[in-house]
Amino acid sequence: MDWNIEKLNQAVKQFQEKSSVDAEFRKLALENPSSAVKQLTGLEIPEGFKLQVVDNAGAHLTVVLPD
């Protein structure tokens, strides 16, 4: 099974939903996002793909700077 845009969008939604209600998953997502994705979807993140997870808890605004 490979990634496509539909699977990516679905995974992001599931990732956000699960991390908002499951403290253990949230911790894993922050410490090892690739493992969290694998646990959630059963899929490996493609080699060379960088995933960064930021905890927005308590923030009024999170700004992502461009590359």
C-alpha atoms as a PDB file:
ATOM      1  CA  MET A   1       0.000   0.000   0.000  1.00  0.00           C
ATOM      2  CA  ASP A   2       1.405   3.421  -0.976  1.00  0.00           C
ATOM      3  CA  TRP A   3       0.633   6.974   0.030  1.00  0.00           C
ATOM      4  CA  ASN A   4      -1.609   9.172  -2.073  1.00  0.00           C
ATOM      5  CA  ILE A   5      -3.221  12.548  -1.366  1.00  0.00           C
ATOM      6  CA  GLU A   6      -6.452  10.959  -0.093  1.00  0.00           C
ATOM      7  CA  LYS A   7      -4.562   8.713   2.361  1.00  0.00           C
ATOM      8  CA  LEU A   8      -2.429  11.654   3.462  1.00  0.00           C
ATOM      9  CA  ASN A   9      -5.442  13.870   4.173  1.00  0.00           C
ATOM     10  CA  GLN A  10      -7.183  11.044   6.030  1.00  0.00           C
ATOM     11  CA  ALA A  11      -4.050  10.284   8.072  1.00  0.00           C
ATOM     12  CA  VAL A  12      -3.588  13.948   9.057  1.00  0.00           C
ATOM     13  CA  LYS A  13      -7.193  14.135  10.258  1.00  0.00           C
ATOM     14  CA  GLN A  14      -6.879  10.871  12.229  1.00  0.00           C
ATOM     15  CA  PHE A  15      -3.517  12.001  13.623  1.00  0.00           C
ATOM     16  CA  GLN A  16      -5.011  15.259  14.905  1.00  0.00           C
ATOM     17  CA  GLU A  17      -8.128  13.613  16.310  1.00  0.00           C
ATOM     18  CA  LYS A  18      -6.259  10.838  18.122  1.00  0.00           C
ATOM     19  CA  SER A  19      -3.631  13.170  19.549  1.00  0.00           C
ATOM     20  CA  SER A  20      -6.353  15.412  20.984  1.00  0.00           C
ATOM     21  CA  VAL A  21      -7.903  12.591  23.065  1.00  0.00           C
ATOM     22  CA  ASP A  22      -5.046  10.116  23.647  1.00  0.00           C
ATOM     23  CA  ALA A  23      -2.221  11.512  25.804  1.00  0.00           C
ATOM     24  CA  GLU A  24       0.059   8.520  25.160  1.00  0.00           C
ATOM     25  CA  PHE A  25      -0.354   8.841  21.377  1.00  0.00           C
ATOM     26  CA  ARG A  26       0.206  12.620  21.622  1.00  0.00           C
ATOM     27  CA  LYS A  27       3.488  12.000  23.459  1.00  0.00           C
ATOM     28  CA  LEU A  28       4.578   9.485  20.799  1.00  0.00           C
ATOM     29  CA  ALA A  29       3.601  11.939  18.042  1.00  0.00           C
ATOM     30  CA  LEU A  30       5.831  14.601  19.573  1.00  0.00           C
ATOM     31  CA  GLU A  31       8.758  12.295  20.304  1.00  0.00           C
ATOM     32  CA  ASN A  32       8.653  10.044  17.237  1.00  0.00           C
ATOM     33  CA  PRO A  33       6.179  11.208  14.575  1.00  0.00           C
ATOM     34  CA  SER A  34       7.159   8.444  12.140  1.00  0.00           C
ATOM     35  CA  SER A  35       6.301   5.750  14.678  1.00  0.00           C
ATOM     36  CA  ALA A  36       3.020   7.472  15.476  1.00  0.00           C
ATOM     37  CA  VAL A  37       2.069   7.513  11.779  1.00  0.00           C
ATOM     38  CA  LYS A  38       3.023   3.840  11.433  1.00  0.00           C
ATOM     39  CA  GLN A  39       0.950   2.942  14.512  1.00  0.00           C
ATOM     40  CA  LEU A  40      -2.049   4.882  13.210  1.00  0.00           C
ATOM     41  CA  THR A  41      -1.989   3.929   9.524  1.00  0.00           C
ATOM     42  CA  GLY A  42       0.206   0.856   9.252  1.00  0.00           C
ATOM     43  CA  LEU A  43       2.244   2.739   6.635  1.00  0.00           C
ATOM     44  CA  GLU A  44       5.867   3.844   6.788  1.00  0.00           C
ATOM     45  CA  ILE A  45       6.649   7.458   6.003  1.00  0.00           C
ATOM     46  CA  PRO A  46       8.575   7.570   2.719  1.00  0.00           C
ATOM     47  CA  GLU A  47      12.349   7.761   3.071  1.00  0.00           C
ATOM     48  CA  GLY A  48      13.541  11.354   2.964  1.00  0.00           C
ATOM     49  CA  PHE A  49      10.143  12.756   4.008  1.00  0.00           C
ATOM     50  CA  LYS A  50      10.478  14.962   7.085  1.00  0.00           C
ATOM     51  CA  LEU A  51       7.523  15.201   9.451  1.00  0.00           C
ATOM     52  CA  GLN A  52       7.593  17.708  12.283  1.00  0.00           C
ATOM     53  CA  VAL A  53       4.909  17.782  14.976  1.00  0.00           C
ATOM     54  CA  VAL A  54       4.445  20.852  17.169  1.00  0.00           C
ATOM     55  CA  ASP A  55       2.418  20.918  20.369  1.00  0.00           C
ATOM     56  CA  ASN A  56       0.049  23.883  20.204  1.00  0.00           C
ATOM     57  CA  ALA A  57      -1.317  23.347  23.717  1.00  0.00           C
ATOM     58  CA  GLY A  58      -1.555  26.645  25.557  1.00  0.00           C
ATOM     59  CA  ALA A  59      -0.523  28.749  22.576  1.00  0.00           C
ATOM     60  CA  HIS A  60      -2.708  31.483  21.174  1.00  0.00           C
ATOM     61  CA  LEU A  61      -0.985  31.292  17.808  1.00  0.00           C
ATOM     62  CA  THR A  62       1.575  29.004  16.202  1.00  0.00           C
ATOM     63  CA  VAL A  63       3.498  30.442  13.271  1.00  0.00           C
ATOM     64  CA  VAL A  64       5.281  28.124  10.859  1.00  0.00           C
ATOM     65  CA  LEU A  65       8.226  29.796   9.183  1.00  0.00           C
ATOM     66  CA  PRO A  66       8.962  29.009   5.539  1.00  0.00           C
ATOM     67  CA  ASP A  67      12.028  27.032   4.485  1.00  0.00           C
END
